[in-house]
Each structure stands twice: as C-alpha cells, then as structure tokens.
Amino acid sequence: MAKVLELEFKTEVGKIAKLSINDPIEPIDTLAVKAAMDNLIATDVFGGSTGAFVSVEGARVVERNVTDYDVM
C-alpha cells in the first residue's frame, strides 16, 4: 500500500494546488503540518501558472492499493 500526504493550498487566482509527500510519518502531527504549510506560504517558495500559495486549504493522507499482473 502506498501512502501520500497531500498538502492543499489556495492560490492567488482561487485555484487549489497540491504538494505530495510520499511515505509520511504516521501518526500525522497536524500542528507540525500546519506550521510547515504556513511556512511554505510565508516564504513563497512555490508558484506556478495559478500564482503563489495564499492560504491553507487542507491536508490528507491518500492510500492506494496497486496490484500488478504478469501478462507476458
């Protein structure tokens, strides 16, 4: 099972941007995650076609199962 911590930010133009962190340490420390997200907004490290991050929208752990089949 693969787990990813998705950090969701609102951007300057009102869109949602996501940053994904593979294999997060669990249990998730929500206070540390919020502080890190606030720091990313304050330092304006990321930006793109939808603009800079302006606020925290949310965070979540996404878990997925992958089954490979040998078809050769």
Protein backbone atom coordinates (compact mmCIF):
# COMPACT_ATOMS: atom_id res chain seq x y z
CA MET A 1 0.00 0.00 0.00
CA ALA A 2 1.35 3.39 -0.98
CA LYS A 3 0.53 6.38 1.20
CA VAL A 4 0.94 10.02 0.29
CA LEU A 5 0.40 13.12 2.40
CA GLU A 6 -1.28 15.72 0.19
CA LEU A 7 -0.96 19.36 1.23
CA GLU A 8 -3.62 21.54 -0.36
CA PHE A 9 -3.22 25.29 -0.80
CA LYS A 10 -5.41 28.00 -2.26
CA THR A 11 -3.54 30.10 -4.84
CA GLU A 12 -3.72 33.75 -5.85
CA VAL A 13 -6.29 33.02 -8.54
CA GLY A 14 -8.51 30.90 -6.29
CA LYS A 15 -7.40 27.50 -7.56
CA ILE A 16 -6.27 24.59 -5.39
CA ALA A 17 -2.64 23.47 -5.67
CA LYS A 18 -1.33 20.26 -4.10
CA LEU A 19 2.05 19.14 -2.86
CA SER A 20 2.51 15.41 -2.28
CA ILE A 21 4.86 13.80 0.23
CA ASN A 22 5.50 10.08 -0.19
CA ASP A 23 5.52 7.72 2.79
CA PRO A 24 4.58 10.21 5.52
CA ILE A 25 5.43 9.50 9.14
CA GLU A 26 2.32 8.39 11.00
CA PRO A 27 0.51 9.33 13.05
CA ILE A 28 0.35 12.69 11.30
CA ASP A 29 1.28 15.62 13.56
CA THR A 30 -1.35 18.11 12.42
CA LEU A 31 0.26 21.02 14.26
CA ALA A 32 3.60 20.39 12.54
CA VAL A 33 1.89 20.02 9.15
CA LYS A 34 0.01 23.31 9.62
CA ALA A 35 3.22 25.09 10.70
CA ALA A 36 5.09 23.73 7.67
CA MET A 37 2.29 24.79 5.33
CA ASP A 38 2.22 28.29 6.85
CA ASN A 39 5.99 28.46 6.39
CA LEU A 40 5.69 27.48 2.71
CA ILE A 41 3.15 30.28 2.22
CA ALA A 42 5.28 32.84 4.08
CA THR A 43 8.49 32.02 2.20
CA ASP A 44 6.71 31.99 -1.19
CA VAL A 45 8.82 29.04 -2.33
CA PHE A 46 6.31 27.61 -4.80
CA GLY A 47 4.38 29.25 -7.57
CA GLY A 48 3.19 28.45 -11.00
CA SER A 49 0.61 29.34 -13.58
CA THR A 50 -2.01 29.69 -10.84
CA GLY A 51 0.13 32.02 -8.72
CA ALA A 52 1.60 31.83 -5.25
CA PHE A 53 0.07 29.97 -2.33
CA VAL A 54 -2.07 32.31 -0.24
CA SER A 55 -3.83 30.07 2.29
CA VAL A 56 -4.06 26.55 3.68
CA GLU A 57 -6.95 24.60 2.21
CA GLY A 58 -6.34 21.21 3.86
CA ALA A 59 -4.18 18.14 4.26
CA ARG A 60 -4.97 14.48 3.84
CA VAL A 61 -3.37 11.07 3.62
CA VAL A 62 -4.22 9.20 0.46
CA GLU A 63 -3.74 5.45 0.44
CA ARG A 64 -3.85 3.33 -2.67
CA ASN A 65 -3.51 -0.34 -3.43
CA VAL A 66 -1.80 -1.46 -6.61
CA THR A 67 -1.94 -5.00 -7.94
CA ASP A 68 0.48 -5.87 -10.73
CA TYR A 69 -0.31 -8.73 -13.09
CA ASP A 70 2.26 -10.57 -15.17
CA VAL A 71 0.82 -10.70 -18.66
CA MET A 72 3.96 -11.70 -20.53
